[in-house]
Structure formats: structure tokens, C-alpha cells
PDB file of N, CA and C in Angstrom:
ATOM      1  N   MET A   1      15.091   7.169   8.742  1.00  0.00           N
ATOM      2  CA  MET A   1      14.227   6.004   8.864  1.00  0.00           C
ATOM      3  C   MET A   1      14.544   5.039   7.723  1.00  0.00           C
ATOM      4  N   SER A   2      14.533   3.759   8.014  1.00  0.00           N
ATOM      5  CA  SER A   2      14.815   2.758   6.988  1.00  0.00           C
ATOM      6  C   SER A   2      13.560   1.934   6.707  1.00  0.00           C
ATOM      7  N   ILE A   3      13.627   1.168   5.641  1.00  0.00           N
ATOM      8  CA  ILE A   3      12.490   0.328   5.245  1.00  0.00           C
ATOM      9  C   ILE A   3      12.157  -0.699   6.333  1.00  0.00           C
ATOM     10  N   LYS A   4      13.134  -1.072   7.140  1.00  0.00           N
ATOM     11  CA  LYS A   4      12.890  -2.036   8.212  1.00  0.00           C
ATOM     12  C   LYS A   4      11.981  -1.475   9.301  1.00  0.00           C
ATOM     13  N   SER A   5      11.850  -0.151   9.361  1.00  0.00           N
ATOM     14  CA  SER A   5      10.982   0.450  10.368  1.00  0.00           C
ATOM     15  C   SER A   5       9.515   0.472   9.936  1.00  0.00           C
ATOM     16  N   VAL A   6       9.238   0.091   8.692  1.00  0.00           N
ATOM     17  CA  VAL A   6       7.867   0.015   8.192  1.00  0.00           C
ATOM     18  C   VAL A   6       7.446  -1.449   8.244  1.00  0.00           C
ATOM     19  N   LYS A   7       6.493  -1.764   9.142  1.00  0.00           N
ATOM     20  CA  LYS A   7       6.128  -3.164   9.391  1.00  0.00           C
ATOM     21  C   LYS A   7       4.627  -3.375   9.231  1.00  0.00           C
ATOM     22  N   TYR A   8       4.280  -4.586   8.834  1.00  0.00           N
ATOM     23  CA  TYR A   8       2.874  -4.900   8.613  1.00  0.00           C
ATOM     24  C   TYR A   8       2.047  -4.787   9.889  1.00  0.00           C
ATOM     25  N   ASN A   9       2.653  -5.043  11.051  1.00  0.00           N
ATOM     26  CA  ASN A   9       1.861  -4.991  12.276  1.00  0.00           C
ATOM     27  C   ASN A   9       1.550  -3.553  12.714  1.00  0.00           C
ATOM     28  N   ASP A  10       2.015  -2.556  11.934  1.00  0.00           N
ATOM     29  CA  ASP A  10       1.585  -1.171  12.137  1.00  0.00           C
ATOM     30  C   ASP A  10       0.166  -0.962  11.609  1.00  0.00           C
ATOM     31  N   ILE A  11      -0.308  -1.890  10.787  1.00  0.00           N
ATOM     32  CA  ILE A  11      -1.655  -1.809  10.215  1.00  0.00           C
ATOM     33  C   ILE A  11      -2.612  -2.551  11.147  1.00  0.00           C
ATOM     34  N   GLU A  12      -3.541  -1.807  11.735  1.00  0.00           N
ATOM     35  CA  GLU A  12      -4.506  -2.412  12.651  1.00  0.00           C
ATOM     36  C   GLU A  12      -5.655  -3.053  11.865  1.00  0.00           C
ATOM     37  N   ILE A  13      -6.218  -4.090  12.445  1.00  0.00           N
ATOM     38  CA  ILE A  13      -7.334  -4.785  11.802  1.00  0.00           C
ATOM     39  C   ILE A  13      -8.555  -4.773  12.711  1.00  0.00           C
ATOM     40  N   VAL A  14      -9.708  -4.965  12.080  1.00  0.00           N
ATOM     41  CA  VAL A  14     -10.999  -5.011  12.762  1.00  0.00           C
ATOM     42  C   VAL A  14     -11.747  -6.217  12.214  1.00  0.00           C
ATOM     43  N   GLU A  15     -12.541  -6.862  13.057  1.00  0.00           N
ATOM     44  CA  GLU A  15     -13.313  -8.017  12.581  1.00  0.00           C
ATOM     45  C   GLU A  15     -14.273  -7.622  11.476  1.00  0.00           C
ATOM     46  N   ASN A  16     -14.356  -8.479  10.471  1.00  0.00           N
ATOM     47  CA  ASN A  16     -15.293  -8.310   9.367  1.00  0.00           C
ATOM     48  C   ASN A  16     -16.639  -8.892   9.787  1.00  0.00           C
ATOM     49  N   GLU A  17     -17.638  -8.061   9.889  1.00  0.00           N
ATOM     50  CA  GLU A  17     -18.960  -8.520  10.308  1.00  0.00           C
ATOM     51  C   GLU A  17     -19.741  -9.195   9.185  1.00  0.00           C
ATOM     52  N   TYR A  18     -19.220  -9.148   7.957  1.00  0.00           N
ATOM     53  CA  TYR A  18     -19.915  -9.738   6.807  1.00  0.00           C
ATOM     54  C   TYR A  18     -19.030 -10.793   6.142  1.00  0.00           C
ATOM     55  N   ILE A  19     -18.471 -11.664   6.933  1.00  0.00           N
ATOM     56  CA  ILE A  19     -17.497 -12.646   6.466  1.00  0.00           C
ATOM     57  C   ILE A  19     -18.084 -13.604   5.428  1.00  0.00           C
ATOM     58  N   LYS A  20     -19.380 -13.834   5.443  1.00  0.00           N
ATOM     59  CA  LYS A  20     -19.997 -14.770   4.499  1.00  0.00           C
ATOM     60  C   LYS A  20     -20.241 -14.144   3.125  1.00  0.00           C
ATOM     61  N   ARG A  21     -19.988 -12.849   3.010  1.00  0.00           N
ATOM     62  CA  ARG A  21     -20.252 -12.135   1.766  1.00  0.00           C
ATOM     63  C   ARG A  21     -18.939 -11.693   1.139  1.00  0.00           C
ATOM     64  N   ASP A  22     -18.794 -11.922  -0.160  1.00  0.00           N
ATOM     65  CA  ASP A  22     -17.655 -11.367  -0.897  1.00  0.00           C
ATOM     66  C   ASP A  22     -18.011  -9.949  -1.321  1.00  0.00           C
ATOM     67  N   TYR A  23     -17.276  -8.986  -0.819  1.00  0.00           N
ATOM     68  CA  TYR A  23     -17.474  -7.601  -1.235  1.00  0.00           C
ATOM     69  C   TYR A  23     -16.111  -6.936  -1.356  1.00  0.00           C
ATOM     70  N   MET A  24     -16.035  -5.976  -2.253  1.00  0.00           N
ATOM     71  CA  MET A  24     -14.773  -5.305  -2.560  1.00  0.00           C
ATOM     72  C   MET A  24     -14.682  -3.995  -1.794  1.00  0.00           C
ATOM     73  N   ILE A  25     -13.539  -3.769  -1.160  1.00  0.00           N
ATOM     74  CA  ILE A  25     -13.231  -2.494  -0.525  1.00  0.00           C
ATOM     75  C   ILE A  25     -12.165  -1.817  -1.382  1.00  0.00           C
ATOM     76  N   LYS A  26     -12.417  -0.572  -1.764  1.00  0.00           N
ATOM     77  CA  LYS A  26     -11.477   0.182  -2.594  1.00  0.00           C
ATOM     78  C   LYS A  26     -11.003   1.398  -1.808  1.00  0.00           C
ATOM     79  N   ILE A  27      -9.694   1.506  -1.664  1.00  0.00           N
ATOM     80  CA  ILE A  27      -9.083   2.593  -0.905  1.00  0.00           C
ATOM     81  C   ILE A  27      -8.177   3.372  -1.847  1.00  0.00           C
ATOM     82  N   SER A  28      -8.261   4.694  -1.785  1.00  0.00           N
ATOM     83  CA  SER A  28      -7.398   5.541  -2.596  1.00  0.00           C
ATOM     84  C   SER A  28      -6.627   6.479  -1.677  1.00  0.00           C
ATOM     85  N   ILE A  29      -5.320   6.512  -1.847  1.00  0.00           N
ATOM     86  CA  ILE A  29      -4.440   7.388  -1.081  1.00  0.00           C
ATOM     87  C   ILE A  29      -3.774   8.326  -2.084  1.00  0.00           C
ATOM     88  N   PRO A  30      -4.328   9.535  -2.288  1.00  0.00           N
ATOM     89  CA  PRO A  30      -3.843  10.413  -3.355  1.00  0.00           C
ATOM     90  C   PRO A  30      -2.600  11.231  -3.010  1.00  0.00           C
ATOM     91  N   GLU A  31      -2.120  11.157  -1.770  1.00  0.00           N
ATOM     92  CA  GLU A  31      -0.988  11.989  -1.367  1.00  0.00           C
ATOM     93  C   GLU A  31       0.201  11.169  -0.881  1.00  0.00           C
ATOM     94  N   PHE A  32       0.424  10.006  -1.468  1.00  0.00           N
ATOM     95  CA  PHE A  32       1.535   9.151  -1.055  1.00  0.00           C
ATOM     96  C   PHE A  32       2.864   9.763  -1.501  1.00  0.00           C
ATOM     97  N   THR A  33       3.849   9.707  -0.621  1.00  0.00           N
ATOM     98  CA  THR A  33       5.189  10.169  -0.980  1.00  0.00           C
ATOM     99  C   THR A  33       6.247   9.204  -0.462  1.00  0.00           C
ATOM    100  N   CYS A  34       7.303   9.092  -1.238  1.00  0.00           N
ATOM    101  CA  CYS A  34       8.519   8.399  -0.833  1.00  0.00           C
ATOM    102  C   CYS A  34       9.667   9.149  -1.500  1.00  0.00           C
ATOM    103  N   VAL A  35      10.856   8.580  -1.480  1.00  0.00           N
ATOM    104  CA  VAL A  35      12.028   9.262  -2.018  1.00  0.00           C
ATOM    105  C   VAL A  35      12.703   8.364  -3.045  1.00  0.00           C
ATOM    106  N   CYS A  36      13.147   8.943  -4.153  1.00  0.00           N
ATOM    107  CA  CYS A  36      13.917   8.195  -5.142  1.00  0.00           C
ATOM    108  C   CYS A  36      15.246   7.783  -4.510  1.00  0.00           C
ATOM    109  N   PRO A  37      15.582   6.493  -4.526  1.00  0.00           N
ATOM    110  CA  PRO A  37      16.828   6.057  -3.893  1.00  0.00           C
ATOM    111  C   PRO A  37      18.083   6.498  -4.641  1.00  0.00           C
ATOM    112  N   ARG A  38      17.951   6.896  -5.887  1.00  0.00           N
ATOM    113  CA  ARG A  38      19.104   7.341  -6.675  1.00  0.00           C
ATOM    114  C   ARG A  38      19.343   8.837  -6.558  1.00  0.00           C
ATOM    115  N   SER A  39      18.274   9.625  -6.722  1.00  0.00           N
ATOM    116  CA  SER A  39      18.446  11.081  -6.770  1.00  0.00           C
ATOM    117  C   SER A  39      18.168  11.769  -5.434  1.00  0.00           C
ATOM    118  N   GLY A  40      17.429  11.087  -4.555  1.00  0.00           N
ATOM    119  CA  GLY A  40      17.022  11.712  -3.308  1.00  0.00           C
ATOM    120  C   GLY A  40      15.846  12.659  -3.458  1.00  0.00           C
ATOM    121  N   GLN A  41      15.301  12.760  -4.669  1.00  0.00           N
ATOM    122  CA  GLN A  41      14.157  13.627  -4.937  1.00  0.00           C
ATOM    123  C   GLN A  41      12.862  12.950  -4.477  1.00  0.00           C
ATOM    124  N   PRO A  42      11.864  13.731  -4.099  1.00  0.00           N
ATOM    125  CA  PRO A  42      10.602  13.128  -3.665  1.00  0.00           C
ATOM    126  C   PRO A  42       9.847  12.512  -4.838  1.00  0.00           C
ATOM    127  N   ASP A  43       9.186  11.421  -4.566  1.00  0.00           N
ATOM    128  CA  ASP A  43       8.288  10.781  -5.523  1.00  0.00           C
ATOM    129  C   ASP A  43       6.875  10.898  -4.964  1.00  0.00           C
ATOM    130  N   PHE A  44       5.945  11.295  -5.814  1.00  0.00           N
ATOM    131  CA  PHE A  44       4.553  11.455  -5.423  1.00  0.00           C
ATOM    132  C   PHE A  44       3.711  10.438  -6.190  1.00  0.00           C
ATOM    133  N   ALA A  45       2.709   9.888  -5.514  1.00  0.00           N
ATOM    134  CA  ALA A  45       1.894   8.854  -6.158  1.00  0.00           C
ATOM    135  C   ALA A  45       0.498   8.811  -5.571  1.00  0.00           C
ATOM    136  N   ILE A  46      -0.368   8.162  -6.321  1.00  0.00           N
ATOM    137  CA  ILE A  46      -1.664   7.723  -5.816  1.00  0.00           C
ATOM    138  C   ILE A  46      -1.508   6.224  -5.589  1.00  0.00           C
ATOM    139  N   ILE A  47      -1.783   5.778  -4.385  1.00  0.00           N
ATOM    140  CA  ILE A  47      -1.794   4.345  -4.092  1.00  0.00           C
ATOM    141  C   ILE A  47      -3.252   3.926  -4.012  1.00  0.00           C
ATOM    142  N   LYS A  48      -3.606   2.897  -4.771  1.00  0.00           N
ATOM    143  CA  LYS A  48      -4.963   2.358  -4.722  1.00  0.00           C
ATOM    144  C   LYS A  48      -4.875   0.920  -4.230  1.00  0.00           C
ATOM    145  N   ILE A  49      -5.695   0.610  -3.252  1.00  0.00           N
ATOM    146  CA  ILE A  49      -5.753  -0.740  -2.685  1.00  0.00           C
ATOM    147  C   ILE A  49      -7.186  -1.230  -2.845  1.00  0.00           C
ATOM    148  N   CYS A  50      -7.344  -2.380  -3.485  1.00  0.00           N
ATOM    149  CA  CYS A  50      -8.653  -3.008  -3.664  1.00  0.00           C
ATOM    150  C   CYS A  50      -8.561  -4.410  -3.080  1.00  0.00           C
ATOM    151  N   TYR A  51      -9.483  -4.737  -2.164  1.00  0.00           N
ATOM    152  CA  TYR A  51      -9.411  -6.071  -1.572  1.00  0.00           C
ATOM    153  C   TYR A  51     -10.780  -6.624  -1.220  1.00  0.00           C
ATOM    154  N   ILE A  52     -10.856  -7.939  -1.242  1.00  0.00           N
ATOM    155  CA  ILE A  52     -12.015  -8.667  -0.745  1.00  0.00           C
ATOM    156  C   ILE A  52     -11.598  -9.220   0.608  1.00  0.00           C
ATOM    157  N   PRO A  53     -12.221  -8.724   1.682  1.00  0.00           N
ATOM    158  CA  PRO A  53     -11.786  -9.151   3.009  1.00  0.00           C
ATOM    159  C   PRO A  53     -12.184 -10.583   3.321  1.00  0.00           C
ATOM    160  N   ASN A  54     -11.502 -11.130   4.293  1.00  0.00           N
ATOM    161  CA  ASN A  54     -11.834 -12.440   4.834  1.00  0.00           C
ATOM    162  C   ASN A  54     -12.345 -12.212   6.260  1.00  0.00           C
ATOM    163  N   LYS A  55     -11.573 -12.554   7.259  1.00  0.00           N
ATOM    164  CA  LYS A  55     -11.998 -12.394   8.651  1.00  0.00           C
ATOM    165  C   LYS A  55     -11.841 -10.969   9.162  1.00  0.00           C
ATOM    166  N   TYR A  56     -10.969 -10.181   8.502  1.00  0.00           N
ATOM    167  CA  TYR A  56     -10.650  -8.854   9.018  1.00  0.00           C
ATOM    168  C   TYR A  56     -10.709  -7.792   7.919  1.00  0.00           C
ATOM    169  N   ILE A  57     -10.964  -6.560   8.354  1.00  0.00           N
ATOM    170  CA  ILE A  57     -10.822  -5.395   7.498  1.00  0.00           C
ATOM    171  C   ILE A  57      -9.740  -4.506   8.120  1.00  0.00           C
ATOM    172  N   VAL A  58      -9.216  -3.589   7.334  1.00  0.00           N
ATOM    173  CA  VAL A  58      -8.145  -2.712   7.801  1.00  0.00           C
ATOM    174  C   VAL A  58      -8.735  -1.420   8.352  1.00  0.00           C
ATOM    175  N   GLU A  59      -8.227  -1.018   9.498  1.00  0.00           N
ATOM    176  CA  GLU A  59      -8.608   0.250  10.110  1.00  0.00           C
ATOM    177  C   GLU A  59      -7.858   1.351   9.357  1.00  0.00           C
ATOM    178  N   LEU A  60      -8.586   2.300   8.789  1.00  0.00           N
ATOM    179  CA  LEU A  60      -8.011   3.240   7.826  1.00  0.00           C
ATOM    180  C   LEU A  60      -7.017   4.240   8.426  1.00  0.00           C
ATOM    181  N   LYS A  61      -7.231   4.691   9.643  1.00  0.00           N
ATOM    182  CA  LYS A  61      -6.272   5.635  10.226  1.00  0.00           C
ATOM    183  C   LYS A  61      -4.909   4.977  10.392  1.00  0.00           C
ATOM    184  N   SER A  62      -4.886   3.725  10.814  1.00  0.00           N
ATOM    185  CA  SER A  62      -3.601   3.029  10.966  1.00  0.00           C
ATOM    186  C   SER A  62      -2.930   2.822   9.607  1.00  0.00           C
ATOM    187  N   LEU A  63      -3.727   2.605   8.560  1.00  0.00           N
ATOM    188  CA  LEU A  63      -3.167   2.483   7.214  1.00  0.00           C
ATOM    189  C   LEU A  63      -2.533   3.804   6.792  1.00  0.00           C
ATOM    190  N   LYS A  64      -3.202   4.913   7.090  1.00  0.00           N
ATOM    191  CA  LYS A  64      -2.661   6.238   6.771  1.00  0.00           C
ATOM    192  C   LYS A  64      -1.320   6.451   7.473  1.00  0.00           C
ATOM    193  N   VAL A  65      -1.246   6.128   8.752  1.00  0.00           N
ATOM    194  CA  VAL A  65      -0.002   6.299   9.511  1.00  0.00           C
ATOM    195  C   VAL A  65       1.086   5.373   8.963  1.00  0.00           C
ATOM    196  N   TYR A  66       0.724   4.139   8.634  1.00  0.00           N
ATOM    197  CA  TYR A  66       1.671   3.188   8.036  1.00  0.00           C
ATOM    198  C   TYR A  66       2.260   3.769   6.747  1.00  0.00           C
ATOM    199  N   LEU A  67       1.408   4.282   5.868  1.00  0.00           N
ATOM    200  CA  LEU A  67       1.872   4.802   4.582  1.00  0.00           C
ATOM    201  C   LEU A  67       2.703   6.072   4.737  1.00  0.00           C
ATOM    202  N   GLN A  68       2.428   6.868   5.743  1.00  0.00           N
ATOM    203  CA  GLN A  68       3.212   8.084   5.972  1.00  0.00           C
ATOM    204  C   GLN A  68       4.658   7.767   6.343  1.00  0.00           C
ATOM    205  N   LYS A  69       4.916   6.578   6.836  1.00  0.00           N
ATOM    206  CA  LYS A  69       6.281   6.193   7.210  1.00  0.00           C
ATOM    207  C   LYS A  69       7.213   6.097   6.009  1.00  0.00           C
ATOM    208  N   TYR A  70       6.670   6.002   4.805  1.00  0.00           N
ATOM    209  CA  TYR A  70       7.488   5.931   3.593  1.00  0.00           C
ATOM    210  C   TYR A  70       8.013   7.302   3.159  1.00  0.00           C
ATOM    211  N   ARG A  71       7.516   8.364   3.754  1.00  0.00           N
ATOM    212  CA  ARG A  71       7.799   9.731   3.312  1.00  0.00           C
ATOM    213  C   ARG A  71       9.290  10.030   3.147  1.00  0.00           C
ATOM    214  N   ASN A  72      10.134   9.507   4.011  1.00  0.00           N
ATOM    215  CA  ASN A  72      11.572   9.802   3.954  1.00  0.00           C
ATOM    216  C   ASN A  72      12.417   8.587   3.593  1.00  0.00           C
ATOM    217  N   ILE A  73      11.793   7.568   3.042  1.00  0.00           N
ATOM    218  CA  ILE A  73      12.511   6.333   2.704  1.00  0.00           C
ATOM    219  C   ILE A  73      12.811   6.294   1.212  1.00  0.00           C
ATOM    220  N   GLY A  74      14.057   6.022   0.873  1.00  0.00           N
ATOM    221  CA  GLY A  74      14.452   5.842  -0.519  1.00  0.00           C
ATOM    222  C   GLY A  74      14.082   4.442  -0.978  1.00  0.00           C
ATOM    223  N   ILE A  75      13.170   4.368  -1.943  1.00  0.00           N
ATOM    224  CA  ILE A  75      12.683   3.056  -2.396  1.00  0.00           C
ATOM    225  C   ILE A  75      12.163   3.191  -3.829  1.00  0.00           C
ATOM    226  N   PHE A  76      12.417   2.170  -4.644  1.00  0.00           N
ATOM    227  CA  PHE A  76      11.933   2.159  -6.021  1.00  0.00           C
ATOM    228  C   PHE A  76      10.417   1.955  -6.052  1.00  0.00           C
ATOM    229  N   HIS A  77       9.772   2.471  -7.095  1.00  0.00           N
ATOM    230  CA  HIS A  77       8.318   2.363  -7.249  1.00  0.00           C
ATOM    231  C   HIS A  77       7.848   0.909  -7.174  1.00  0.00           C
ATOM    232  N   GLU A  78       8.566   0.039  -7.857  1.00  0.00           N
ATOM    233  CA  GLU A  78       8.193  -1.378  -7.897  1.00  0.00           C
ATOM    234  C   GLU A  78       8.282  -2.007  -6.509  1.00  0.00           C
ATOM    235  N   HIS A  79       9.316  -1.641  -5.779  1.00  0.00           N
ATOM    236  CA  HIS A  79       9.524  -2.223  -4.449  1.00  0.00           C
ATOM    237  C   HIS A  79       8.477  -1.745  -3.456  1.00  0.00           C
ATOM    238  N   VAL A  80       8.181  -0.454  -3.463  1.00  0.00           N
ATOM    239  CA  VAL A  80       7.223   0.059  -2.489  1.00  0.00           C
ATOM    240  C   VAL A  80       5.826  -0.493  -2.758  1.00  0.00           C
ATOM    241  N   THR A  81       5.440  -0.619  -4.010  1.00  0.00           N
ATOM    242  CA  THR A  81       4.115  -1.160  -4.328  1.00  0.00           C
ATOM    243  C   THR A  81       3.994  -2.604  -3.859  1.00  0.00           C
ATOM    244  N   ASN A  82       5.021  -3.405  -4.103  1.00  0.00           N
ATOM    245  CA  ASN A  82       4.990  -4.801  -3.670  1.00  0.00           C
ATOM    246  C   ASN A  82       5.113  -4.950  -2.154  1.00  0.00           C
ATOM    247  N   LYS A  83       5.849  -4.073  -1.510  1.00  0.00           N
ATOM    248  CA  LYS A  83       5.950  -4.120  -0.039  1.00  0.00           C
ATOM    249  C   LYS A  83       4.611  -3.782   0.590  1.00  0.00           C
ATOM    250  N   ILE A  84       3.916  -2.790   0.044  1.00  0.00           N
ATOM    251  CA  ILE A  84       2.588  -2.456   0.561  1.00  0.00           C
ATOM    252  C   ILE A  84       1.661  -3.661   0.419  1.00  0.00           C
ATOM    253  N   LEU A  85       1.701  -4.329  -0.740  1.00  0.00           N
ATOM    254  CA  LEU A  85       0.875  -5.529  -0.936  1.00  0.00           C
ATOM    255  C   LEU A  85       1.231  -6.595   0.094  1.00  0.00           C
ATOM    256  N   ASP A  86       2.511  -6.882   0.271  1.00  0.00           N
ATOM    257  CA  ASP A  86       2.931  -7.922   1.223  1.00  0.00           C
ATOM    258  C   ASP A  86       2.511  -7.589   2.647  1.00  0.00           C
ATOM    259  N   ASP A  87       2.703  -6.334   3.055  1.00  0.00           N
ATOM    260  CA  ASP A  87       2.350  -5.941   4.417  1.00  0.00           C
ATOM    261  C   ASP A  87       0.840  -5.954   4.637  1.00  0.00           C
ATOM    262  N   PHE A  88       0.087  -5.467   3.665  1.00  0.00           N
ATOM    263  CA  PHE A  88      -1.372  -5.455   3.765  1.00  0.00           C
ATOM    264  C   PHE A  88      -1.890  -6.897   3.860  1.00  0.00           C
ATOM    265  N   LYS A  89      -1.342  -7.761   3.024  1.00  0.00           N
ATOM    266  CA  LYS A  89      -1.743  -9.180   3.029  1.00  0.00           C
ATOM    267  C   LYS A  89      -1.426  -9.827   4.376  1.00  0.00           C
ATOM    268  N   SER A  90      -0.255  -9.552   4.920  1.00  0.00           N
ATOM    269  CA  SER A  90       0.123 -10.121   6.219  1.00  0.00           C
ATOM    270  C   SER A  90      -0.759  -9.595   7.343  1.00  0.00           C
ATOM    271  N   ALA A  91      -1.167  -8.340   7.251  1.00  0.00           N
ATOM    272  CA  ALA A  91      -1.965  -7.729   8.312  1.00  0.00           C
ATOM    273  C   ALA A  91      -3.388  -8.284   8.369  1.00  0.00           C
ATOM    274  N   CYS A  92      -4.073  -8.370   7.221  1.00  0.00           N
ATOM    275  CA  CYS A  92      -5.498  -8.726   7.281  1.00  0.00           C
ATOM    276  C   CYS A  92      -5.870 -10.017   6.559  1.00  0.00           C
ATOM    277  N   LYS A  93      -4.934 -10.624   5.856  1.00  0.00           N
ATOM    278  CA  LYS A  93      -5.163 -11.910   5.183  1.00  0.00           C
ATOM    279  C   LYS A  93      -6.457 -11.924   4.360  1.00  0.00           C
ATOM    280  N   PRO A  94      -6.543 -11.046   3.362  1.00  0.00           N
ATOM    281  CA  PRO A  94      -7.771 -10.956   2.559  1.00  0.00           C
ATOM    282  C   PRO A  94      -7.923 -12.144   1.608  1.00  0.00           C
ATOM    283  N   ARG A  95      -9.106 -12.265   1.036  1.00  0.00           N
ATOM    284  CA  ARG A  95      -9.339 -13.300   0.022  1.00  0.00           C
ATOM    285  C   ARG A  95      -8.676 -12.929  -1.292  1.00  0.00           C
ATOM    286  N   LYS A  96      -8.689 -11.632  -1.603  1.00  0.00           N
ATOM    287  CA  LYS A  96      -8.087 -11.135  -2.837  1.00  0.00           C
ATOM    288  C   LYS A  96      -7.582  -9.728  -2.572  1.00  0.00           C
ATOM    289  N   LEU A  97      -6.458  -9.370  -3.241  1.00  0.00           N
ATOM    290  CA  LEU A  97      -5.848  -8.073  -2.994  1.00  0.00           C
ATOM    291  C   LEU A  97      -5.140  -7.577  -4.248  1.00  0.00           C
ATOM    292  N   GLU A  98      -5.329  -6.290  -4.542  1.00  0.00           N
ATOM    293  CA  GLU A  98      -4.616  -5.620  -5.627  1.00  0.00           C
ATOM    294  C   GLU A  98      -4.128  -4.278  -5.107  1.00  0.00           C
ATOM    295  N   VAL A  99      -2.884  -3.956  -5.422  1.00  0.00           N
ATOM    296  CA  VAL A  99      -2.314  -2.655  -5.056  1.00  0.00           C
ATOM    297  C   VAL A  99      -1.779  -2.012  -6.327  1.00  0.00           C
ATOM    298  N   PHE A 100      -2.147  -0.758  -6.527  1.00  0.00           N
ATOM    299  CA  PHE A 100      -1.702   0.004  -7.682  1.00  0.00           C
ATOM    300  C   PHE A 100      -0.902   1.204  -7.186  1.00  0.00           C
ATOM    301  N   GLY A 101       0.294   1.383  -7.699  1.00  0.00           N
ATOM    302  CA  GLY A 101       1.097   2.562  -7.441  1.00  0.00           C
ATOM    303  C   GLY A 101       1.143   3.391  -8.711  1.00  0.00           C
ATOM    304  N   ILE A 102       0.498   4.535  -8.701  1.00  0.00           N
ATOM    305  CA  ILE A 102       0.424   5.403  -9.878  1.00  0.00           C
ATOM    306  C   ILE A 102       1.297   6.624  -9.575  1.00  0.00           C
ATOM    307  N   PHE A 103       2.529   6.582 -10.056  1.00  0.00           N
ATOM    308  CA  PHE A 103       3.528   7.584  -9.699  1.00  0.00           C
ATOM    309  C   PHE A 103       3.536   8.730 -10.695  1.00  0.00           C
ATOM    310  N   ASN A 104       3.626   9.955 -10.168  1.00  0.00           N
ATOM    311  CA  ASN A 104       3.649  11.162 -10.998  1.00  0.00           C
ATOM    312  C   ASN A 104       4.889  11.179 -11.881  1.00  0.00           C
ATOM    313  N   ALA A 105       4.753  11.841 -13.002  1.00  0.00           N
ATOM    314  CA  ALA A 105       5.872  11.963 -13.929  1.00  0.00           C
ATOM    315  C   ALA A 105       6.982  12.802 -13.315  1.00  0.00           C
ATOM    316  N   ARG A 106       8.203  12.348 -13.550  1.00  0.00           N
ATOM    317  CA  ARG A 106       9.394  13.107 -13.186  1.00  0.00           C
ATOM    318  C   ARG A 106      10.414  12.822 -14.264  1.00  0.00           C
ATOM    319  N   GLY A 107      10.966  13.867 -14.872  1.00  0.00           N
ATOM    320  CA  GLY A 107      11.906  13.677 -15.966  1.00  0.00           C
ATOM    321  C   GLY A 107      11.245  13.134 -17.218  1.00  0.00           C
ATOM    322  N   GLY A 108       9.943  13.371 -17.348  1.00  0.00           N
ATOM    323  CA  GLY A 108       9.239  12.933 -18.550  1.00  0.00           C
ATOM    324  C   GLY A 108       8.764  11.491 -18.525  1.00  0.00           C
ATOM    325  N   ILE A 109       8.910  10.808 -17.386  1.00  0.00           N
ATOM    326  CA  ILE A 109       8.490   9.404 -17.289  1.00  0.00           C
ATOM    327  C   ILE A 109       7.571   9.238 -16.088  1.00  0.00           C
ATOM    328  N   SER A 110       6.420   8.607 -16.329  1.00  0.00           N
ATOM    329  CA  SER A 110       5.538   8.237 -15.220  1.00  0.00           C
ATOM    330  C   SER A 110       5.484   6.713 -15.143  1.00  0.00           C
ATOM    331  N   THR A 111       5.164   6.222 -13.965  1.00  0.00           N
ATOM    332  CA  THR A 111       5.162   4.775 -13.729  1.00  0.00           C
ATOM    333  C   THR A 111       3.867   4.363 -13.056  1.00  0.00           C
ATOM    334  N   THR A 112       3.299   3.247 -13.502  1.00  0.00           N
ATOM    335  CA  THR A 112       2.198   2.605 -12.796  1.00  0.00           C
ATOM    336  C   THR A 112       2.615   1.163 -12.527  1.00  0.00           C
ATOM    337  N   VAL A 113       2.532   0.778 -11.257  1.00  0.00           N
ATOM    338  CA  VAL A 113       2.904  -0.575 -10.849  1.00  0.00           C
ATOM    339  C   VAL A 113       1.651  -1.245 -10.302  1.00  0.00           C
ATOM    340  N   GLU A 114       1.324  -2.437 -10.811  1.00  0.00           N
ATOM    341  CA  GLU A 114       0.174  -3.212 -10.341  1.00  0.00           C
ATOM    342  C   GLU A 114       0.684  -4.513  -9.745  1.00  0.00           C
ATOM    343  N   SER A 115       0.264  -4.771  -8.529  1.00  0.00           N
ATOM    344  CA  SER A 115       0.651  -6.004  -7.856  1.00  0.00           C
ATOM    345  C   SER A 115      -0.606  -6.688  -7.335  1.00  0.00           C
ATOM    346  N   LYS A 116      -0.714  -8.008  -7.545  1.00  0.00           N
ATOM    347  CA  LYS A 116      -1.950  -8.719  -7.201  1.00  0.00           C
ATOM    348  C   LYS A 116      -1.649  -9.973  -6.389  1.00  0.00           C
ATOM    349  N   TRP A 117      -2.630 -10.329  -5.525  1.00  0.00           N
ATOM    350  CA  TRP A 117      -2.558 -11.575  -4.791  1.00  0.00           C
ATOM    351  C   TRP A 117      -3.984 -12.109  -4.632  1.00  0.00           C
ATOM    352  N   PRO A 118      -4.276 -13.369  -4.846  1.00  0.00           N
ATOM    353  CA  PRO A 118      -3.333 -14.323  -5.452  1.00  0.00           C
ATOM    354  C   PRO A 118      -3.088 -13.956  -6.899  1.00  0.00           C
ATOM    355  N   GLU A 119      -1.958 -14.396  -7.386  1.00  0.00           N
ATOM    356  CA  GLU A 119      -1.525 -14.024  -8.733  1.00  0.00           C
ATOM    357  C   GLU A 119      -2.311 -14.749  -9.803  1.00  0.00           C
TER     358      GLU A 119
END
């Protein structure tokens, strides 16, 4: 599977019934996996998504299936975190969005990537 097979339209949306209210939705995905593009070794992370919805909210099962597609894809931590932000933004067009990739240590180095929109 390649990165091109992971698309924003895999994320289903639902109408936001509280569009006049600014409220924060916080999602935590503690079992995210992808593959290091250099070593081929698995990378494990917690992905946290925090957003203020606009017209739509994200249906969580579709988000889970979308994120599982990264399991066998070789991608850098920085790239996957920003791709998740871009795809999530394209899917539901929130008022505000933050994605955090908190990657487990491997070889003595751990990585946390924070991506925000609007910047």
C-alpha cells in the first residue's frame, strides 16, 4: 500500500448540530502504527487530534479505519502528522485544528510533532 491510497474522503463526516457554539473535540488514538521509511521497522505513536468543528464533525469509526491504512506505509513522523492534519481539514473543514504525533522512542530518540491550522 502506498501513501496515495490514504485519502481524506475515507474520513466520513456528520452534520454538527451545535454549529453556533465553539466547542473543542479531543480525540486520542493510542495505537497508531506506521513504518520507518529508512529501516522498515514499525513506528508506534499516540495521535491526538483536537478541533473546533464548523458545519461537520468526524465519524470516529471512519477515522479509525483511515488511520489503520498507515500501518504498512513507510513515512516520516513529520510527514504523517502533517498529512493527517491536511486530510482531516479537507474532510470536515473545522474552525481550528491541531494534530499531535507522539512517537515512541526507538534507538534512544523519541519524537513529538505538532501541526496546527490555522497557523
